[in-house]
Amino acid sequence: MNKFKDIAEVYAESSMKFIIMGYEKCEVCNRDYPIIADRNQVNEGNVDDAIKTKECFHCLRDKEDNEFRKEAIKQMKRRELRKYDKYSIIPYDLQDASLDSYIPENETQKQALEDVKKYIEGNSDKKTLFLQGDTGLGKSHLSLSAYKEISQNEPAIYIDVPELMNMIRSTYNGGRTTQDEIMTALQEVELLVLDDIGAEYVKPDANGFESWAADILFQISNARQGKRNIYTTNFPSKYLSKKYGMMSKRIISRLMNNAKIIKFDGKDYRLKGLE
């Protein structure tokens, strides 16, 4: 018999209330475990009622250890997921946005909803979704809904480009977060949602191009190659080419790499009721 003292054995032997009646071999783990009984009931001759052992203590301990490990892993994953929350900025008017609350008004919007659902489920053959169309058609709504779904299980960041540029610019005045930390987070996450590409304003250089913004956007899009991304813009490629100047071709090439382009048509939902 194994001479190892189980916690249950030590407890039984040190207690005046319980005694060890013997050992049984567990049918599950094939280890011996003690049969513990109530001392008083044994002395009174009620042996069957006296036995308190219901399960193998080794199996119970293994089960508790496994549950502890699983919970520890869950907590580590929750911390990993929440690690990137500080980089996401959710628009106030879209706090409650979801797939269920998106109401498509035409065929392009219906198709966009289906494409985003497939992407969330992992059934898309593309790594990137590129949502393009006029303002107020639901691009931000759908991209944020995708972020909410995917970020439950994978590290993700959602931010619109104007806010991102402001966040990076603020690091130049000294702060708790550096530009390198922001860029590293954008590179690391499983999903990056960049909303409103082209809507940022940065003072143009001598040639009339927003070279600083272009350089930042190029670094991000280049680092995100092969990873899951959702990009949205209100502007056609001609506008983006003009805005980013010499870097526009490389930026657009990387944004569009392995991307499904989803074009939205319709009227701005914010202007409903206006003549």
C-alpha atoms as a PDB file:
ATOM      1  CA  MET A   1       0.000   0.000   0.000  1.00  0.00           C
ATOM      2  CA  ASN A   2       1.134   3.556  -0.728  1.00  0.00           C
ATOM      3  CA  LYS A   3       2.609   5.062   2.457  1.00  0.00           C
ATOM      4  CA  PHE A   4       1.866   8.616   1.294  1.00  0.00           C
ATOM      5  CA  LYS A   5      -0.331  10.456   3.777  1.00  0.00           C
ATOM      6  CA  ASP A   6      -3.270  12.146   2.098  1.00  0.00           C
ATOM      7  CA  ILE A   7      -4.678  15.290   3.678  1.00  0.00           C
ATOM      8  CA  ALA A   8      -7.849  13.353   4.436  1.00  0.00           C
ATOM      9  CA  GLU A   9      -5.838  10.681   6.274  1.00  0.00           C
ATOM     10  CA  VAL A  10      -3.979  13.232   8.370  1.00  0.00           C
ATOM     11  CA  TYR A  11      -7.258  14.875   9.264  1.00  0.00           C
ATOM     12  CA  ALA A  12      -8.896  11.584  10.178  1.00  0.00           C
ATOM     13  CA  GLU A  13      -5.994  10.432  12.289  1.00  0.00           C
ATOM     14  CA  SER A  14      -5.750  13.736  14.148  1.00  0.00           C
ATOM     15  CA  SER A  15      -9.440  13.940  14.909  1.00  0.00           C
ATOM     16  CA  MET A  16     -11.158  12.152  17.771  1.00  0.00           C
ATOM     17  CA  LYS A  17     -14.358  12.096  15.748  1.00  0.00           C
ATOM     18  CA  PHE A  18     -13.148  10.100  12.706  1.00  0.00           C
ATOM     19  CA  ILE A  19     -11.195   6.933  12.088  1.00  0.00           C
ATOM     20  CA  ILE A  20      -9.780   5.168   9.021  1.00  0.00           C
ATOM     21  CA  MET A  21     -11.595   1.910   8.390  1.00  0.00           C
ATOM     22  CA  GLY A  22      -9.322   0.777   5.594  1.00  0.00           C
ATOM     23  CA  TYR A  23      -8.488   1.557   1.956  1.00  0.00           C
ATOM     24  CA  GLU A  24     -10.112   1.072  -1.421  1.00  0.00           C
ATOM     25  CA  LYS A  25      -8.647   1.282  -4.899  1.00  0.00           C
ATOM     26  CA  CYS A  26     -10.256   3.982  -7.055  1.00  0.00           C
ATOM     27  CA  GLU A  27     -11.704   2.641 -10.298  1.00  0.00           C
ATOM     28  CA  VAL A  28     -10.902   5.930 -12.026  1.00  0.00           C
ATOM     29  CA  CYS A  29      -7.321   6.753 -11.006  1.00  0.00           C
ATOM     30  CA  ASN A  30      -6.290   3.313  -9.681  1.00  0.00           C
ATOM     31  CA  ARG A  31      -4.947   4.830  -6.445  1.00  0.00           C
ATOM     32  CA  ASP A  32      -5.717   3.775  -2.889  1.00  0.00           C
ATOM     33  CA  TYR A  33      -7.815   6.145  -0.822  1.00  0.00           C
ATOM     34  CA  PRO A  34      -8.853   5.893   2.867  1.00  0.00           C
ATOM     35  CA  ILE A  35     -12.334   4.911   4.021  1.00  0.00           C
ATOM     36  CA  ILE A  36     -13.187   7.401   6.754  1.00  0.00           C
ATOM     37  CA  ALA A  37     -15.923   6.737   9.293  1.00  0.00           C
ATOM     38  CA  ASP A  38     -17.535   8.394  12.273  1.00  0.00           C
ATOM     39  CA  ARG A  39     -15.816   6.969  15.381  1.00  0.00           C
ATOM     40  CA  ASN A  40     -18.871   7.134  17.634  1.00  0.00           C
ATOM     41  CA  GLN A  41     -21.157   5.389  15.138  1.00  0.00           C
ATOM     42  CA  VAL A  42     -18.565   2.656  14.608  1.00  0.00           C
ATOM     43  CA  ASN A  43     -18.364   2.143  18.364  1.00  0.00           C
ATOM     44  CA  GLU A  44     -22.163   1.868  18.442  1.00  0.00           C
ATOM     45  CA  GLY A  45     -22.087  -0.799  15.732  1.00  0.00           C
ATOM     46  CA  ASN A  46     -23.588   1.365  12.932  1.00  0.00           C
ATOM     47  CA  VAL A  47     -20.723   0.765  10.511  1.00  0.00           C
ATOM     48  CA  ASP A  48     -22.669   1.342   7.281  1.00  0.00           C
ATOM     49  CA  ASP A  49     -24.030   4.667   8.488  1.00  0.00           C
ATOM     50  CA  ALA A  50     -20.657   5.622   9.936  1.00  0.00           C
ATOM     51  CA  ILE A  51     -18.752   5.662   6.636  1.00  0.00           C
ATOM     52  CA  LYS A  52     -18.339   9.255   5.363  1.00  0.00           C
ATOM     53  CA  THR A  53     -16.186   8.674   2.280  1.00  0.00           C
ATOM     54  CA  LYS A  54     -18.173   9.298  -0.917  1.00  0.00           C
ATOM     55  CA  GLU A  55     -15.433   9.816  -3.498  1.00  0.00           C
ATOM     56  CA  CYS A  56     -11.748   9.194  -3.989  1.00  0.00           C
ATOM     57  CA  PHE A  57      -9.826  12.011  -2.314  1.00  0.00           C
ATOM     58  CA  HIS A  58      -7.154  11.851  -5.009  1.00  0.00           C
ATOM     59  CA  CYS A  59      -9.736  12.408  -7.753  1.00  0.00           C
ATOM     60  CA  LEU A  60     -11.380  15.212  -5.775  1.00  0.00           C
ATOM     61  CA  ARG A  61      -8.019  16.904  -5.328  1.00  0.00           C
ATOM     62  CA  ASP A  62      -7.174  16.471  -9.032  1.00  0.00           C
ATOM     63  CA  LYS A  63     -10.563  17.936  -9.946  1.00  0.00           C
ATOM     64  CA  GLU A  64     -10.018  20.952  -7.695  1.00  0.00           C
ATOM     65  CA  ASP A  65      -6.511  21.447  -9.106  1.00  0.00           C
ATOM     66  CA  ASN A  66      -7.858  21.329 -12.674  1.00  0.00           C
ATOM     67  CA  GLU A  67     -10.627  23.801 -11.848  1.00  0.00           C
ATOM     68  CA  PHE A  68      -8.084  26.088 -10.203  1.00  0.00           C
ATOM     69  CA  ARG A  69      -5.836  25.940 -13.279  1.00  0.00           C
ATOM     70  CA  LYS A  70      -8.770  26.584 -15.627  1.00  0.00           C
ATOM     71  CA  GLU A  71      -9.863  29.592 -13.593  1.00  0.00           C
ATOM     72  CA  ALA A  72      -6.299  30.920 -13.510  1.00  0.00           C
ATOM     73  CA  ILE A  73      -6.081  30.598 -17.304  1.00  0.00           C
ATOM     74  CA  LYS A  74      -9.435  32.393 -17.677  1.00  0.00           C
ATOM     75  CA  GLN A  75      -8.249  35.225 -15.455  1.00  0.00           C
ATOM     76  CA  MET A  76      -5.012  35.527 -17.433  1.00  0.00           C
ATOM     77  CA  LYS A  77      -6.980  35.674 -20.674  1.00  0.00           C
ATOM     78  CA  ARG A  78      -9.376  38.271 -19.239  1.00  0.00           C
ATOM     79  CA  ARG A  79      -6.406  40.409 -18.214  1.00  0.00           C
ATOM     80  CA  GLU A  80      -4.902  39.976 -21.692  1.00  0.00           C
ATOM     81  CA  LEU A  81      -8.173  41.015 -23.348  1.00  0.00           C
ATOM     82  CA  ARG A  82      -8.635  44.043 -21.083  1.00  0.00           C
ATOM     83  CA  LYS A  83      -5.006  45.078 -21.541  1.00  0.00           C
ATOM     84  CA  TYR A  84      -5.939  46.881 -24.758  1.00  0.00           C
ATOM     85  CA  ASP A  85      -9.162  48.535 -23.568  1.00  0.00           C
ATOM     86  CA  LYS A  86      -7.435  51.828 -22.860  1.00  0.00           C
ATOM     87  CA  TYR A  87      -6.620  52.222 -26.558  1.00  0.00           C
ATOM     88  CA  SER A  88     -10.230  51.800 -27.722  1.00  0.00           C
ATOM     89  CA  ILE A  89     -12.479  54.857 -27.914  1.00  0.00           C
ATOM     90  CA  ILE A  90     -16.160  54.065 -28.447  1.00  0.00           C
ATOM     91  CA  PRO A  91     -18.328  56.915 -29.818  1.00  0.00           C
ATOM     92  CA  TYR A  92     -21.023  57.896 -27.333  1.00  0.00           C
ATOM     93  CA  ASP A  93     -23.831  57.594 -29.883  1.00  0.00           C
ATOM     94  CA  LEU A  94     -22.753  54.024 -30.702  1.00  0.00           C
ATOM     95  CA  GLN A  95     -22.353  52.671 -27.165  1.00  0.00           C
ATOM     96  CA  ASP A  96     -25.327  50.338 -27.672  1.00  0.00           C
ATOM     97  CA  ALA A  97     -24.578  49.404 -31.281  1.00  0.00           C
ATOM     98  CA  SER A  98     -24.982  45.717 -32.126  1.00  0.00           C
ATOM     99  CA  LEU A  99     -25.711  43.491 -35.089  1.00  0.00           C
ATOM    100  CA  ASP A 100     -29.306  43.152 -33.895  1.00  0.00           C
ATOM    101  CA  SER A 101     -29.818  46.910 -33.766  1.00  0.00           C
ATOM    102  CA  TYR A 102     -28.508  47.500 -37.292  1.00  0.00           C
ATOM    103  CA  ILE A 103     -31.459  47.992 -39.647  1.00  0.00           C
ATOM    104  CA  PRO A 104     -30.401  47.759 -43.324  1.00  0.00           C
ATOM    105  CA  GLU A 105     -32.417  49.927 -45.695  1.00  0.00           C
ATOM    106  CA  ASN A 106     -31.281  48.617 -49.059  1.00  0.00           C
ATOM    107  CA  GLU A 107     -29.535  45.676 -50.677  1.00  0.00           C
ATOM    108  CA  THR A 108     -25.998  47.011 -50.227  1.00  0.00           C
ATOM    109  CA  GLN A 109     -26.588  47.421 -46.499  1.00  0.00           C
ATOM    110  CA  LYS A 110     -28.167  43.958 -46.221  1.00  0.00           C
ATOM    111  CA  GLN A 111     -25.167  42.454 -47.978  1.00  0.00           C
ATOM    112  CA  ALA A 112     -22.802  44.416 -45.723  1.00  0.00           C
ATOM    113  CA  LEU A 113     -24.535  42.989 -42.653  1.00  0.00           C
ATOM    114  CA  GLU A 114     -24.177  39.445 -43.984  1.00  0.00           C
ATOM    115  CA  ASP A 115     -20.512  39.982 -44.868  1.00  0.00           C
ATOM    116  CA  VAL A 116     -19.739  41.301 -41.382  1.00  0.00           C
ATOM    117  CA  LYS A 117     -21.548  38.359 -39.753  1.00  0.00           C
ATOM    118  CA  LYS A 118     -19.478  35.898 -41.797  1.00  0.00           C
ATOM    119  CA  TYR A 119     -16.319  37.754 -40.838  1.00  0.00           C
ATOM    120  CA  ILE A 120     -17.168  37.581 -37.133  1.00  0.00           C
ATOM    121  CA  GLU A 121     -17.876  33.855 -37.423  1.00  0.00           C
ATOM    122  CA  GLY A 122     -14.549  33.287 -39.155  1.00  0.00           C
ATOM    123  CA  ASN A 123     -16.221  32.255 -42.411  1.00  0.00           C
ATOM    124  CA  SER A 124     -14.740  34.999 -44.563  1.00  0.00           C
ATOM    125  CA  ASP A 125     -11.923  34.144 -46.972  1.00  0.00           C
ATOM    126  CA  LYS A 126     -10.421  37.608 -46.400  1.00  0.00           C
ATOM    127  CA  LYS A 127      -8.374  38.918 -43.496  1.00  0.00           C
ATOM    128  CA  THR A 128      -9.577  42.497 -43.919  1.00  0.00           C
ATOM    129  CA  LEU A 129     -12.919  44.190 -44.450  1.00  0.00           C
ATOM    130  CA  PHE A 130     -12.815  47.610 -46.111  1.00  0.00           C
ATOM    131  CA  LEU A 131     -16.117  49.459 -45.641  1.00  0.00           C
ATOM    132  CA  GLN A 132     -16.582  52.413 -47.982  1.00  0.00           C
ATOM    133  CA  GLY A 133     -19.478  54.824 -48.471  1.00  0.00           C
ATOM    134  CA  ASP A 134     -21.000  58.143 -47.495  1.00  0.00           C
ATOM    135  CA  THR A 135     -21.446  59.153 -43.877  1.00  0.00           C
ATOM    136  CA  GLY A 136     -24.450  57.927 -41.919  1.00  0.00           C
ATOM    137  CA  LEU A 137     -24.943  54.573 -43.665  1.00  0.00           C
ATOM    138  CA  GLY A 138     -23.869  52.314 -40.795  1.00  0.00           C
ATOM    139  CA  LYS A 139     -20.182  51.621 -41.443  1.00  0.00           C
ATOM    140  CA  SER A 140     -19.178  52.574 -37.901  1.00  0.00           C
ATOM    141  CA  HIS A 141     -22.169  50.723 -36.472  1.00  0.00           C
ATOM    142  CA  LEU A 142     -21.224  47.452 -38.175  1.00  0.00           C
ATOM    143  CA  SER A 143     -17.493  47.739 -37.545  1.00  0.00           C
ATOM    144  CA  LEU A 144     -18.088  48.472 -33.860  1.00  0.00           C
ATOM    145  CA  SER A 145     -20.520  45.547 -33.631  1.00  0.00           C
ATOM    146  CA  ALA A 146     -17.824  43.266 -35.036  1.00  0.00           C
ATOM    147  CA  TYR A 147     -15.334  44.623 -32.511  1.00  0.00           C
ATOM    148  CA  LYS A 148     -17.729  43.946 -29.633  1.00  0.00           C
ATOM    149  CA  GLU A 149     -18.270  40.349 -30.730  1.00  0.00           C
ATOM    150  CA  ILE A 150     -14.643  39.463 -31.459  1.00  0.00           C
ATOM    151  CA  SER A 151     -13.158  41.284 -28.450  1.00  0.00           C
ATOM    152  CA  GLN A 152     -15.028  38.925 -26.124  1.00  0.00           C
ATOM    153  CA  ASN A 153     -12.547  36.204 -27.036  1.00  0.00           C
ATOM    154  CA  GLU A 154      -9.623  37.899 -28.749  1.00  0.00           C
ATOM    155  CA  PRO A 155      -7.533  41.035 -28.090  1.00  0.00           C
ATOM    156  CA  ALA A 156      -8.949  43.894 -30.174  1.00  0.00           C
ATOM    157  CA  ILE A 157      -8.874  47.674 -30.530  1.00  0.00           C
ATOM    158  CA  TYR A 158     -11.526  49.976 -31.973  1.00  0.00           C
ATOM    159  CA  ILE A 159     -10.690  53.625 -32.629  1.00  0.00           C
ATOM    160  CA  ASP A 160     -11.424  56.199 -35.285  1.00  0.00           C
ATOM    161  CA  VAL A 161      -8.413  57.665 -37.029  1.00  0.00           C
ATOM    162  CA  PRO A 162      -8.911  61.298 -35.882  1.00  0.00           C
ATOM    163  CA  GLU A 163      -8.931  60.119 -32.244  1.00  0.00           C
ATOM    164  CA  LEU A 164      -5.917  57.905 -32.890  1.00  0.00           C
ATOM    165  CA  MET A 165      -3.914  60.791 -34.312  1.00  0.00           C
ATOM    166  CA  ASN A 166      -4.876  62.934 -31.313  1.00  0.00           C
ATOM    167  CA  MET A 167      -3.790  60.141 -28.967  1.00  0.00           C
ATOM    168  CA  ILE A 168      -0.409  59.847 -30.668  1.00  0.00           C
ATOM    169  CA  ARG A 169       0.074  63.603 -30.805  1.00  0.00           C
ATOM    170  CA  SER A 170      -0.609  63.873 -27.068  1.00  0.00           C
ATOM    171  CA  THR A 171       2.385  61.643 -26.337  1.00  0.00           C
ATOM    172  CA  TYR A 172       4.719  64.336 -27.665  1.00  0.00           C
ATOM    173  CA  ASN A 173       3.951  66.534 -24.663  1.00  0.00           C
ATOM    174  CA  GLY A 174       4.937  63.796 -22.252  1.00  0.00           C
ATOM    175  CA  GLY A 175       2.397  61.447 -20.759  1.00  0.00           C
ATOM    176  CA  ARG A 176       1.784  58.064 -19.248  1.00  0.00           C
ATOM    177  CA  THR A 177       1.624  56.400 -22.674  1.00  0.00           C
ATOM    178  CA  THR A 178       4.270  56.648 -25.377  1.00  0.00           C
ATOM    179  CA  GLN A 179       3.869  56.494 -29.139  1.00  0.00           C
ATOM    180  CA  ASP A 180       5.838  53.237 -29.189  1.00  0.00           C
ATOM    181  CA  GLU A 181       3.391  51.686 -26.715  1.00  0.00           C
ATOM    182  CA  ILE A 182       0.429  52.731 -28.851  1.00  0.00           C
ATOM    183  CA  MET A 183       1.992  51.430 -32.059  1.00  0.00           C
ATOM    184  CA  THR A 184       2.954  48.142 -30.378  1.00  0.00           C
ATOM    185  CA  ALA A 185      -0.615  47.640 -29.125  1.00  0.00           C
ATOM    186  CA  LEU A 186      -2.021  48.329 -32.593  1.00  0.00           C
ATOM    187  CA  GLN A 187       0.345  45.741 -34.031  1.00  0.00           C
ATOM    188  CA  GLU A 188      -0.257  43.055 -31.393  1.00  0.00           C
ATOM    189  CA  VAL A 189      -4.041  42.788 -31.245  1.00  0.00           C
ATOM    190  CA  GLU A 190      -5.878  40.049 -33.102  1.00  0.00           C
ATOM    191  CA  LEU A 191      -8.359  42.538 -34.569  1.00  0.00           C
ATOM    192  CA  LEU A 192      -7.824  46.224 -35.337  1.00  0.00           C
ATOM    193  CA  VAL A 193     -10.753  48.417 -36.326  1.00  0.00           C
ATOM    194  CA  LEU A 194      -9.731  51.774 -37.789  1.00  0.00           C
ATOM    195  CA  ASP A 195     -12.813  53.868 -38.390  1.00  0.00           C
ATOM    196  CA  ASP A 196     -13.060  57.007 -40.521  1.00  0.00           C
ATOM    197  CA  ILE A 197      -9.773  56.794 -42.412  1.00  0.00           C
ATOM    198  CA  GLY A 198      -9.160  60.117 -44.122  1.00  0.00           C
ATOM    199  CA  ALA A 199     -11.276  62.156 -41.683  1.00  0.00           C
ATOM    200  CA  GLU A 200      -8.269  63.183 -39.590  1.00  0.00           C
ATOM    201  CA  TYR A 201      -6.860  66.657 -40.055  1.00  0.00           C
ATOM    202  CA  VAL A 202      -3.159  67.308 -39.810  1.00  0.00           C
ATOM    203  CA  LYS A 203      -1.511  70.495 -40.980  1.00  0.00           C
ATOM    204  CA  PRO A 204      -0.242  69.901 -44.541  1.00  0.00           C
ATOM    205  CA  ASP A 205       3.445  70.120 -45.332  1.00  0.00           C
ATOM    206  CA  ALA A 206       5.005  72.533 -47.830  1.00  0.00           C
ATOM    207  CA  ASN A 207       3.725  70.378 -50.705  1.00  0.00           C
ATOM    208  CA  GLY A 208       0.159  70.339 -49.391  1.00  0.00           C
ATOM    209  CA  PHE A 209       0.287  66.702 -48.184  1.00  0.00           C
ATOM    210  CA  GLU A 210      -0.408  65.421 -44.683  1.00  0.00           C
ATOM    211  CA  SER A 211       2.898  63.588 -44.509  1.00  0.00           C
ATOM    212  CA  TRP A 212       2.881  63.008 -40.734  1.00  0.00           C
ATOM    213  CA  ALA A 213      -0.534  61.332 -40.779  1.00  0.00           C
ATOM    214  CA  ALA A 214       0.463  59.412 -43.896  1.00  0.00           C
ATOM    215  CA  ASP A 215       3.579  58.083 -42.210  1.00  0.00           C
ATOM    216  CA  ILE A 216       1.628  56.950 -39.123  1.00  0.00           C
ATOM    217  CA  LEU A 217      -1.043  55.267 -41.233  1.00  0.00           C
ATOM    218  CA  PHE A 218       1.578  53.535 -43.357  1.00  0.00           C
ATOM    219  CA  GLN A 219       3.370  52.167 -40.291  1.00  0.00           C
ATOM    220  CA  ILE A 220       0.102  50.795 -38.908  1.00  0.00           C
ATOM    221  CA  SER A 221      -1.188  49.280 -42.151  1.00  0.00           C
ATOM    222  CA  ASN A 222       2.220  47.772 -42.864  1.00  0.00           C
ATOM    223  CA  ALA A 223       2.429  46.189 -39.400  1.00  0.00           C
ATOM    224  CA  ARG A 224      -1.082  44.752 -39.787  1.00  0.00           C
ATOM    225  CA  GLN A 225      -0.334  42.665 -42.874  1.00  0.00           C
ATOM    226  CA  GLY A 226      -1.670  39.130 -42.447  1.00  0.00           C
ATOM    227  CA  LYS A 227      -3.802  40.049 -39.430  1.00  0.00           C
ATOM    228  CA  ARG A 228      -7.517  40.718 -39.048  1.00  0.00           C
ATOM    229  CA  ASN A 229      -8.550  44.304 -39.742  1.00  0.00           C
ATOM    230  CA  ILE A 230     -11.662  46.337 -40.404  1.00  0.00           C
ATOM    231  CA  TYR A 231     -11.155  49.698 -42.057  1.00  0.00           C
ATOM    232  CA  THR A 232     -13.842  52.249 -42.862  1.00  0.00           C
ATOM    233  CA  THR A 233     -13.790  55.459 -44.864  1.00  0.00           C
ATOM    234  CA  ASN A 234     -16.262  57.978 -46.232  1.00  0.00           C
ATOM    235  CA  PHE A 235     -13.943  58.853 -49.085  1.00  0.00           C
ATOM    236  CA  PRO A 236     -13.105  57.455 -52.542  1.00  0.00           C
ATOM    237  CA  SER A 237      -9.571  56.344 -53.326  1.00  0.00           C
ATOM    238  CA  LYS A 238      -8.954  59.526 -55.361  1.00  0.00           C
ATOM    239  CA  TYR A 239      -9.444  61.650 -52.242  1.00  0.00           C
ATOM    240  CA  LEU A 240      -7.136  59.441 -50.163  1.00  0.00           C
ATOM    241  CA  SER A 241      -4.497  59.575 -52.906  1.00  0.00           C
ATOM    242  CA  LYS A 242      -4.615  63.354 -52.890  1.00  0.00           C
ATOM    243  CA  LYS A 243      -4.599  63.546 -49.103  1.00  0.00           C
ATOM    244  CA  TYR A 244      -1.594  61.300 -48.484  1.00  0.00           C
ATOM    245  CA  GLY A 245       0.478  62.319 -51.482  1.00  0.00           C
ATOM    246  CA  MET A 246       3.510  60.240 -52.370  1.00  0.00           C
ATOM    247  CA  MET A 247       2.741  57.662 -49.687  1.00  0.00           C
ATOM    248  CA  SER A 248      -0.853  57.132 -50.780  1.00  0.00           C
ATOM    249  CA  LYS A 249      -0.123  54.268 -53.175  1.00  0.00           C
ATOM    250  CA  ARG A 250       1.732  52.257 -50.527  1.00  0.00           C
ATOM    251  CA  ILE A 251      -0.888  53.015 -47.877  1.00  0.00           C
ATOM    252  CA  ILE A 252      -3.856  52.058 -50.052  1.00  0.00           C
ATOM    253  CA  SER A 253      -2.042  48.934 -51.259  1.00  0.00           C
ATOM    254  CA  ARG A 254      -1.597  47.725 -47.678  1.00  0.00           C
ATOM    255  CA  LEU A 255      -5.092  48.677 -46.577  1.00  0.00           C
ATOM    256  CA  MET A 256      -6.553  46.745 -49.503  1.00  0.00           C
ATOM    257  CA  ASN A 257      -4.273  43.703 -49.231  1.00  0.00           C
ATOM    258  CA  ASN A 258      -6.352  40.523 -48.776  1.00  0.00           C
ATOM    259  CA  ALA A 259      -9.401  42.743 -48.257  1.00  0.00           C
ATOM    260  CA  LYS A 260     -13.063  42.419 -49.106  1.00  0.00           C
ATOM    261  CA  ILE A 261     -14.377  45.798 -50.212  1.00  0.00           C
ATOM    262  CA  ILE A 262     -17.912  46.508 -48.986  1.00  0.00           C
ATOM    263  CA  LYS A 263     -19.564  49.548 -50.566  1.00  0.00           C
ATOM    264  CA  PHE A 264     -22.552  51.238 -48.929  1.00  0.00           C
ATOM    265  CA  ASP A 265     -25.307  53.137 -50.720  1.00  0.00           C
ATOM    266  CA  GLY A 266     -28.220  55.054 -49.237  1.00  0.00           C
ATOM    267  CA  LYS A 267     -29.153  58.195 -47.351  1.00  0.00           C
ATOM    268  CA  ASP A 268     -27.618  59.458 -44.130  1.00  0.00           C
ATOM    269  CA  TYR A 269     -29.829  58.091 -41.328  1.00  0.00           C
ATOM    270  CA  ARG A 270     -28.973  61.145 -39.223  1.00  0.00           C
ATOM    271  CA  LEU A 271     -30.792  63.373 -41.704  1.00  0.00           C
ATOM    272  CA  LYS A 272     -34.086  61.498 -41.653  1.00  0.00           C
ATOM    273  CA  GLY A 273     -37.047  63.809 -41.387  1.00  0.00           C
ATOM    274  CA  LEU A 274     -35.208  66.774 -42.880  1.00  0.00           C
ATOM    275  CA  GLU A 275     -36.425  68.222 -46.156  1.00  0.00           C
END
